[in-house]
């Protein structure tokens, strides 16, 4: 598992997240887990054309913000 942090600007606010990348993704567990201040927010897995989609959503953040986070993670070409 690899950890990294990302920040996304949404509605004039900066949101900081910790991303856990499970590099040995086996289809049982989602590839990326997202946390904000230690609280689970959502997880993502690769879909068609390597675009991430939400695997699990805790309902803590708005879907539009989660879409921006997914785009940010995708930009790292992981």
N, C-alpha and C. Protein backbone atom coordinates (compact mmCIF):
# COMPACT_ATOMS: atom_id res chain seq x y z
N UNK A 1 0.85 -1.18 0.00
CA UNK A 1 0.00 0.00 0.00
C UNK A 1 0.90 1.24 0.00
N UNK A 2 0.54 2.18 -0.81
CA UNK A 2 1.26 3.45 -0.90
C UNK A 2 0.32 4.56 -0.47
N UNK A 3 0.84 5.54 0.25
CA UNK A 3 0.04 6.68 0.72
C UNK A 3 0.52 7.95 0.04
N UNK A 4 -0.42 8.81 -0.35
CA UNK A 4 -0.06 10.13 -0.82
C UNK A 4 -1.21 11.08 -0.52
N UNK A 5 -0.92 12.36 -0.56
CA UNK A 5 -1.93 13.37 -0.27
C UNK A 5 -2.23 14.18 -1.52
N UNK A 6 -3.48 14.59 -1.63
CA UNK A 6 -3.89 15.46 -2.73
C UNK A 6 -4.77 16.56 -2.18
N UNK A 7 -4.84 17.64 -2.93
CA UNK A 7 -5.72 18.76 -2.59
C UNK A 7 -6.54 19.10 -3.82
N UNK A 8 -7.80 19.42 -3.59
CA UNK A 8 -8.71 19.77 -4.67
C UNK A 8 -9.46 21.03 -4.27
N UNK A 9 -9.58 21.96 -5.19
CA UNK A 9 -10.35 23.17 -4.94
C UNK A 9 -11.78 22.95 -5.43
N UNK A 10 -12.74 23.20 -4.54
CA UNK A 10 -14.15 23.00 -4.87
C UNK A 10 -14.98 24.03 -4.11
N UNK A 11 -15.79 24.75 -4.83
CA UNK A 11 -16.64 25.80 -4.25
C UNK A 11 -15.83 26.78 -3.40
N UNK A 12 -14.72 27.24 -3.98
CA UNK A 12 -13.83 28.23 -3.35
C UNK A 12 -13.22 27.76 -2.04
N UNK A 13 -13.11 26.44 -1.85
CA UNK A 13 -12.46 25.88 -0.67
C UNK A 13 -11.46 24.84 -1.12
N UNK A 14 -10.34 24.75 -0.40
CA UNK A 14 -9.37 23.69 -0.66
C UNK A 14 -9.70 22.51 0.24
N UNK A 15 -9.76 21.34 -0.35
CA UNK A 15 -10.05 20.10 0.37
C UNK A 15 -8.81 19.21 0.29
N UNK A 16 -8.34 18.76 1.44
CA UNK A 16 -7.13 17.95 1.52
C UNK A 16 -7.51 16.52 1.88
N UNK A 17 -6.94 15.59 1.14
CA UNK A 17 -7.26 14.17 1.34
C UNK A 17 -6.01 13.33 1.40
N UNK A 18 -6.13 12.20 2.07
CA UNK A 18 -5.10 11.16 2.03
C UNK A 18 -5.63 10.04 1.15
N UNK A 19 -4.79 9.60 0.23
CA UNK A 19 -5.17 8.52 -0.68
C UNK A 19 -4.31 7.31 -0.37
N UNK A 20 -4.96 6.18 -0.22
CA UNK A 20 -4.26 4.91 -0.03
C UNK A 20 -4.39 4.12 -1.33
N UNK A 21 -3.27 3.84 -1.92
CA UNK A 21 -3.22 3.13 -3.19
C UNK A 21 -2.85 1.67 -2.92
N UNK A 22 -3.77 0.77 -3.18
CA UNK A 22 -3.51 -0.65 -3.05
C UNK A 22 -3.02 -1.15 -4.40
N UNK A 23 -1.72 -1.12 -4.59
CA UNK A 23 -1.11 -1.40 -5.89
C UNK A 23 -1.38 -2.83 -6.35
N UNK A 24 -1.56 -3.76 -5.43
CA UNK A 24 -1.84 -5.14 -5.79
C UNK A 24 -3.36 -5.36 -5.84
N UNK A 25 -4.04 -4.48 -6.55
CA UNK A 25 -5.50 -4.51 -6.67
C UNK A 25 -5.94 -5.88 -7.19
N UNK A 26 -6.79 -6.54 -6.43
CA UNK A 26 -7.21 -7.90 -6.80
C UNK A 26 -8.69 -8.02 -7.15
N UNK A 27 -9.38 -6.91 -7.20
CA UNK A 27 -10.80 -6.96 -7.53
C UNK A 27 -11.70 -7.15 -6.33
N UNK A 28 -11.14 -7.59 -5.19
CA UNK A 28 -11.93 -7.76 -3.97
C UNK A 28 -12.01 -6.44 -3.22
N UNK A 29 -10.90 -5.78 -3.12
CA UNK A 29 -10.82 -4.49 -2.44
C UNK A 29 -10.66 -3.40 -3.49
N UNK A 30 -11.26 -2.25 -3.27
CA UNK A 30 -11.12 -1.13 -4.20
C UNK A 30 -9.66 -0.70 -4.27
N UNK A 31 -9.23 -0.20 -5.41
CA UNK A 31 -7.81 0.15 -5.60
C UNK A 31 -7.39 1.36 -4.77
N UNK A 32 -8.23 2.40 -4.70
CA UNK A 32 -7.89 3.61 -3.96
C UNK A 32 -8.91 3.87 -2.87
N UNK A 33 -8.43 4.19 -1.66
CA UNK A 33 -9.30 4.62 -0.57
C UNK A 33 -8.97 6.07 -0.26
N UNK A 34 -10.00 6.85 0.01
CA UNK A 34 -9.86 8.28 0.25
C UNK A 34 -10.29 8.61 1.67
N UNK A 35 -9.43 9.37 2.37
CA UNK A 35 -9.70 9.78 3.74
C UNK A 35 -9.53 11.28 3.87
N UNK A 36 -10.34 11.87 4.75
CA UNK A 36 -10.22 13.29 5.06
C UNK A 36 -10.17 13.40 6.58
N UNK A 37 -9.07 13.89 7.09
CA UNK A 37 -8.84 14.02 8.53
C UNK A 37 -9.05 12.68 9.23
N UNK A 38 -8.58 11.61 8.60
CA UNK A 38 -8.66 10.27 9.18
C UNK A 38 -9.98 9.57 9.02
N UNK A 39 -10.96 10.22 8.40
CA UNK A 39 -12.30 9.64 8.23
C UNK A 39 -12.46 9.14 6.80
N UNK A 40 -12.93 7.89 6.66
CA UNK A 40 -13.15 7.32 5.34
C UNK A 40 -14.20 8.13 4.59
N UNK A 41 -13.88 8.48 3.34
CA UNK A 41 -14.78 9.28 2.51
C UNK A 41 -15.35 8.44 1.37
N UNK A 42 -14.46 7.77 0.64
CA UNK A 42 -14.89 6.99 -0.52
C UNK A 42 -13.73 6.12 -0.99
N UNK A 43 -14.05 5.23 -1.90
CA UNK A 43 -13.00 4.46 -2.56
C UNK A 43 -13.31 4.41 -4.05
N UNK A 44 -12.26 4.20 -4.83
CA UNK A 44 -12.37 4.22 -6.29
C UNK A 44 -11.72 2.98 -6.86
N UNK A 45 -12.18 2.60 -8.04
CA UNK A 45 -11.53 1.54 -8.80
C UNK A 45 -11.56 1.90 -10.28
N UNK A 46 -10.60 1.37 -11.02
CA UNK A 46 -10.55 1.68 -12.45
C UNK A 46 -11.75 1.10 -13.18
N UNK A 47 -12.27 1.90 -14.09
CA UNK A 47 -13.37 1.44 -14.93
C UNK A 47 -12.90 1.42 -16.37
N UNK A 48 -13.81 1.62 -17.28
CA UNK A 48 -13.46 1.61 -18.69
C UNK A 48 -12.52 2.76 -19.03
N UNK A 49 -11.62 2.51 -19.94
CA UNK A 49 -10.67 3.52 -20.41
C UNK A 49 -9.83 4.11 -19.28
N UNK A 50 -9.60 3.32 -18.22
CA UNK A 50 -8.78 3.70 -17.06
C UNK A 50 -9.34 4.89 -16.28
N UNK A 51 -10.60 5.22 -16.47
CA UNK A 51 -11.22 6.27 -15.66
C UNK A 51 -11.70 5.65 -14.35
N UNK A 52 -11.47 6.36 -13.26
CA UNK A 52 -11.89 5.86 -11.96
C UNK A 52 -13.37 6.10 -11.73
N UNK A 53 -14.00 5.16 -11.06
CA UNK A 53 -15.38 5.37 -10.63
C UNK A 53 -15.48 4.98 -9.15
N UNK A 54 -16.49 5.50 -8.51
CA UNK A 54 -16.67 5.28 -7.08
C UNK A 54 -17.05 3.83 -6.83
N UNK A 55 -16.30 3.21 -5.94
CA UNK A 55 -16.54 1.82 -5.56
C UNK A 55 -17.41 1.79 -4.29
N UNK A 56 -17.05 2.63 -3.33
CA UNK A 56 -17.81 2.77 -2.08
C UNK A 56 -17.86 4.25 -1.73
N UNK A 57 -19.01 4.71 -1.26
CA UNK A 57 -19.18 6.12 -0.92
C UNK A 57 -19.80 6.21 0.47
N UNK A 58 -19.10 6.87 1.38
CA UNK A 58 -19.61 7.03 2.75
C UNK A 58 -20.64 8.14 2.84
N UNK A 59 -20.83 8.91 1.76
CA UNK A 59 -21.82 9.98 1.77
C UNK A 59 -21.36 11.21 2.53
N UNK A 60 -20.06 11.32 2.77
CA UNK A 60 -19.50 12.43 3.54
C UNK A 60 -19.31 13.67 2.68
N UNK A 61 -18.96 13.47 1.41
CA UNK A 61 -18.68 14.57 0.49
C UNK A 61 -19.60 14.50 -0.73
N UNK A 62 -19.77 15.63 -1.40
CA UNK A 62 -20.63 15.71 -2.58
C UNK A 62 -20.00 14.95 -3.74
N UNK A 63 -20.84 14.38 -4.59
CA UNK A 63 -20.37 13.61 -5.74
C UNK A 63 -19.49 14.44 -6.66
N UNK A 64 -19.80 15.72 -6.84
CA UNK A 64 -19.00 16.57 -7.72
C UNK A 64 -17.57 16.70 -7.20
N UNK A 65 -17.40 16.79 -5.89
CA UNK A 65 -16.08 16.86 -5.29
C UNK A 65 -15.35 15.54 -5.50
N UNK A 66 -16.04 14.44 -5.31
CA UNK A 66 -15.42 13.13 -5.52
C UNK A 66 -15.00 12.94 -6.97
N UNK A 67 -15.77 13.48 -7.91
CA UNK A 67 -15.38 13.42 -9.33
C UNK A 67 -14.07 14.17 -9.56
N UNK A 68 -13.92 15.33 -8.92
CA UNK A 68 -12.68 16.10 -9.04
C UNK A 68 -11.49 15.34 -8.44
N UNK A 69 -11.74 14.67 -7.33
CA UNK A 69 -10.68 13.88 -6.70
C UNK A 69 -10.26 12.75 -7.64
N UNK A 70 -11.24 12.07 -8.24
CA UNK A 70 -10.93 10.98 -9.17
C UNK A 70 -10.10 11.50 -10.34
N UNK A 71 -10.46 12.66 -10.88
CA UNK A 71 -9.70 13.25 -11.98
C UNK A 71 -8.27 13.56 -11.55
N UNK A 72 -8.12 14.06 -10.32
CA UNK A 72 -6.79 14.38 -9.80
C UNK A 72 -5.95 13.11 -9.69
N UNK A 73 -6.52 12.05 -9.17
CA UNK A 73 -5.79 10.78 -9.04
C UNK A 73 -5.42 10.26 -10.42
N UNK A 74 -6.35 10.32 -11.37
CA UNK A 74 -6.09 9.87 -12.74
C UNK A 74 -4.94 10.66 -13.38
N UNK A 75 -4.81 11.92 -13.03
CA UNK A 75 -3.77 12.76 -13.62
C UNK A 75 -2.36 12.30 -13.23
N UNK A 76 -2.25 11.51 -12.16
CA UNK A 76 -0.96 10.98 -11.73
C UNK A 76 -0.55 9.77 -12.55
N UNK A 77 -1.42 9.30 -13.45
CA UNK A 77 -1.15 8.15 -14.32
C UNK A 77 -0.76 6.90 -13.51
N UNK A 78 -1.50 6.67 -12.44
CA UNK A 78 -1.21 5.52 -11.57
C UNK A 78 -1.84 4.28 -12.17
